[in-house]
Protein backbone atom coordinates (compact mmCIF):
# COMPACT_ATOMS: atom_id res chain seq x y z
CA MET A 1 22.00 -25.49 -125.58
CA ALA A 2 25.01 -23.50 -126.67
CA SER A 3 22.74 -20.49 -127.09
CA PHE A 4 22.31 -20.41 -123.28
CA ILE A 5 26.07 -19.99 -122.72
CA LYS A 6 27.52 -16.51 -122.71
CA PRO A 7 30.64 -16.53 -124.95
CA PHE A 8 32.97 -15.28 -122.21
CA HIS A 9 31.78 -18.10 -119.90
CA SER A 10 32.22 -21.03 -122.30
CA HIS A 11 35.12 -22.39 -120.21
CA TYR A 12 32.60 -22.96 -117.35
CA PHE A 13 31.12 -25.84 -119.35
CA SER A 14 34.16 -27.55 -120.92
CA ARG A 15 34.33 -30.46 -118.42
CA THR A 16 38.09 -29.88 -118.28
CA VAL A 17 40.36 -27.98 -115.93
CA GLY A 18 40.20 -24.33 -116.93
CA PRO A 19 41.67 -21.11 -115.59
CA PRO A 20 42.19 -21.00 -111.82
CA TYR A 21 39.29 -19.54 -109.84
CA ARG A 22 38.16 -19.01 -106.25
CA LYS A 23 34.49 -18.31 -106.95
CA ARG A 24 32.37 -19.09 -110.01
CA GLN A 25 28.74 -18.10 -110.54
CA TYR A 26 26.20 -18.69 -113.30
CA SER A 27 22.46 -18.07 -113.65
CA PHE A 28 20.38 -20.69 -115.42
CA ALA A 29 16.91 -20.42 -116.90
CA GLY A 30 14.58 -22.62 -114.86
CA LEU A 31 14.06 -25.14 -117.63
CA PRO A 32 14.42 -28.89 -116.94
CA GLY A 33 15.92 -29.35 -120.41
CA LEU A 34 18.99 -27.37 -119.33
CA MET A 35 20.05 -29.92 -116.70
CA PRO A 36 22.82 -31.31 -118.94
CA LEU A 37 24.24 -27.77 -119.03
CA VAL A 38 23.97 -27.52 -115.23
CA ARG A 39 25.79 -30.84 -114.84
CA ALA A 40 28.52 -29.64 -117.23
CA PHE A 41 28.93 -26.49 -115.12
CA LEU A 42 29.19 -28.50 -111.89
CA ASP A 43 31.47 -31.12 -113.43
CA THR A 44 33.78 -28.44 -114.82
CA SER A 45 33.83 -26.61 -111.48
CA ALA A 46 35.18 -29.77 -109.82
CA ALA A 47 37.38 -30.87 -112.74
CA GLU A 48 40.62 -30.46 -110.75
CA ARG A 49 39.49 -32.98 -108.15
CA CYS A 50 39.44 -36.79 -108.31
CA GLU A 51 36.69 -38.57 -110.22
CA GLU A 52 34.82 -39.58 -107.04
CA PHE A 53 34.66 -35.99 -105.76
CA GLN A 54 33.69 -34.67 -109.18
CA PHE A 55 30.83 -37.18 -109.46
CA LEU A 56 29.53 -36.55 -105.93
CA PHE A 57 29.73 -32.75 -106.24
CA THR A 58 27.83 -32.90 -109.55
CA LEU A 59 25.21 -35.29 -108.12
CA LEU A 60 24.48 -33.11 -105.08
CA GLY A 61 24.56 -29.89 -107.09
CA SER A 62 22.12 -31.35 -109.62
CA GLU A 63 19.75 -32.10 -106.76
CA LEU A 64 19.80 -28.45 -105.64
CA ALA A 65 19.17 -27.30 -109.22
CA ASN A 66 16.31 -29.79 -109.64
CA ASN A 67 14.75 -28.51 -106.41
CA ALA A 68 14.95 -24.91 -107.65
CA ILE A 69 13.15 -25.91 -110.85
CA ALA A 70 10.56 -28.13 -109.18
CA HIS A 71 9.67 -26.07 -106.11
CA SER A 72 10.39 -22.41 -106.78
CA ARG A 73 9.29 -19.60 -109.02
CA SER A 74 12.59 -20.04 -110.87
CA SER A 75 10.75 -22.29 -113.33
CA GLU A 76 8.30 -19.55 -114.30
CA ARG A 77 8.71 -17.95 -117.70
CA GLY A 78 11.77 -15.68 -117.79
CA SER A 79 12.97 -16.66 -114.30
CA THR A 80 16.34 -18.04 -113.29
CA TYR A 81 18.22 -19.61 -110.42
CA THR A 82 21.90 -19.01 -109.69
CA LEU A 83 24.60 -21.51 -108.77
CA THR A 84 27.70 -20.19 -107.01
CA VAL A 85 30.75 -22.40 -106.47
CA ASP A 86 33.27 -21.32 -103.83
CA ARG A 87 36.51 -23.28 -103.69
CA GLY A 88 38.30 -23.32 -100.38
CA ALA A 89 41.43 -24.96 -99.05
CA LYS A 90 39.56 -27.99 -97.67
CA GLY A 91 36.55 -28.32 -99.96
CA MET A 92 33.94 -26.71 -102.16
CA THR A 93 30.70 -24.95 -101.27
CA LEU A 94 27.80 -24.75 -103.69
CA ILE A 95 25.01 -22.20 -103.16
CA CYS A 96 21.76 -22.37 -105.12
CA ARG A 97 19.74 -19.15 -105.00
CA ASP A 98 16.24 -19.35 -106.45
CA GLN A 99 13.33 -16.95 -106.98
CA GLY A 100 11.38 -18.09 -103.92
CA SER A 101 8.71 -20.64 -103.19
CA ARG A 102 5.71 -21.06 -105.47
CA LEU A 103 3.51 -21.98 -102.53
CA PRO A 104 3.07 -19.86 -99.41
CA GLN A 105 5.53 -20.95 -96.74
CA GLU A 106 6.43 -19.78 -93.28
CA LYS A 107 9.98 -18.57 -92.69
CA GLY A 108 12.20 -21.35 -91.48
CA ASN A 109 14.88 -23.76 -92.52
CA PHE A 110 14.35 -26.83 -94.67
CA THR A 111 14.60 -30.26 -93.12
CA ALA A 112 15.67 -33.44 -94.81
CA ALA A 113 13.36 -36.43 -94.93
CA THR A 114 14.20 -39.30 -92.60
CA PHE A 115 14.62 -42.82 -93.94
CA GLU A 116 11.50 -43.85 -92.01
CA GLU A 117 9.45 -41.16 -93.81
CA ILE A 118 10.86 -42.24 -97.16
CA GLU A 119 10.00 -45.91 -96.52
CA ALA A 120 6.49 -44.97 -95.33
CA GLY A 121 5.91 -42.86 -98.45
CA THR A 122 5.17 -39.72 -96.41
CA ALA A 123 8.45 -37.98 -97.12
CA THR A 124 9.00 -34.46 -98.30
CA GLY A 125 12.61 -33.42 -98.71
CA ARG A 126 13.84 -36.71 -100.21
CA GLY A 127 16.49 -34.92 -102.26
CA LEU A 128 17.63 -33.04 -99.19
CA ALA A 129 17.99 -36.41 -97.45
CA LEU A 130 20.58 -37.30 -100.09
CA ILE A 131 22.42 -34.03 -99.47
CA ASP A 132 22.12 -34.50 -95.70
CA ALA A 133 23.63 -37.99 -95.97
CA LEU A 134 26.50 -37.19 -98.33
CA ALA A 135 27.51 -33.54 -97.85
CA ASP A 136 29.70 -32.58 -94.91
CA ARG A 137 27.42 -29.66 -94.06
CA TRP A 138 24.37 -28.06 -95.62
CA GLY A 139 21.71 -25.51 -94.82
CA ASP A 140 19.59 -22.67 -96.12
CA ASN A 141 18.76 -19.08 -95.28
CA GLY A 142 15.21 -19.89 -94.11
CA ASP A 143 13.61 -17.24 -96.35
CA PRO A 144 10.94 -18.70 -98.67
CA LYS A 145 10.79 -15.47 -100.70
CA PHE A 146 14.44 -15.61 -101.73
CA ARG A 147 15.80 -19.06 -100.85
CA GLN A 148 19.48 -19.93 -100.76
CA VAL A 149 20.36 -23.57 -100.13
CA TRP A 150 24.00 -24.58 -99.83
CA PHE A 151 26.22 -27.56 -99.11
CA PHE A 152 29.91 -28.03 -98.37
CA LEU A 153 31.79 -31.09 -99.62
CA ALA A 154 35.30 -31.74 -98.31
CA TYR A 155 37.96 -32.82 -100.78
CA ASP A 156 38.92 -35.70 -98.49
CA LEU A 157 36.15 -38.26 -98.96
CA THR A 158 37.74 -40.84 -96.64
CA THR A 159 35.05 -40.49 -93.97
CA ASN A 160 32.22 -39.65 -96.37
CA PRO A 161 29.51 -42.35 -96.54
CA TRP A 162 29.87 -42.29 -100.33
CA SER A 163 33.31 -43.92 -100.12
CA HIS A 164 31.86 -46.79 -98.04
CA ILE A 165 29.13 -47.79 -100.48
CA ASP A 166 29.61 -51.26 -101.91
CA ILE A 167 28.31 -51.59 -105.46
CA ASP A 168 27.34 -55.21 -104.71
CA ASP A 169 25.15 -53.99 -101.83
CA LEU A 170 23.34 -51.71 -104.25
CA LYS A 171 22.72 -54.62 -106.60
CA ASP A 172 21.67 -56.96 -103.75
CA PRO A 173 20.09 -54.80 -101.01
CA GLU A 174 18.69 -57.80 -99.10
CA GLY A 175 22.17 -59.03 -98.32
CA SER A 176 21.71 -62.51 -99.75
CA GLY A 177 24.86 -64.15 -100.96
CA SER A 178 28.12 -62.26 -100.61
CA ALA A 179 26.53 -58.86 -101.22
CA GLY A 180 25.74 -57.12 -97.98
CA ASN A 181 28.78 -58.62 -96.27
CA THR A 182 30.85 -55.93 -94.55
CA GLU A 183 33.98 -57.43 -96.09
CA ASN A 184 32.70 -56.16 -99.43
CA PHE A 185 32.75 -52.49 -98.40
CA LEU A 186 35.19 -50.35 -100.28
CA LYS A 187 38.56 -50.48 -98.58
CA ASN A 188 40.17 -47.71 -100.58
CA GLU A 189 40.52 -44.38 -98.91
CA VAL A 190 39.43 -41.59 -101.17
CA GLU A 191 41.33 -38.35 -100.89
CA CYS A 192 41.15 -35.91 -103.75
């Protein structure tokens, strides 16, 4: 994978705090096998933040990258998609720009699947449902020929649903026993 990293950008993938930056951008070949490299880029971009923020930013960013590979012409031979990280005073924005839809689409914005659609098995946009649930804001440019999807994640995760997930609830989704009890929700406020 090292052959896909330009020498003067190696610090983008170190998973450590590097030189200060406001904006960072990198184009990736649309190959699923490069996802570890994408995650290293995202993880490094958020390396200054707390572990919770770093994990969540990398998770949501990986979803955008996976969508670019799975649903756009970015996965065609010789094509790429570009991730741009913009750090602000209150949070980080990630923009994923791909090569456009493989299938003919009308202009318009994406919509996230609802939980009812997911449960019924009729959902499209399941990954966007994750972004919709956990990012503070998200959207896209509505142009299927040159799509840009973005999300904003605030550094302060106190009110983010992610910080209220109880690991026991994930292990015991039916709520039997002590899992599922609201007393088990995380009580720590997460501010990065």
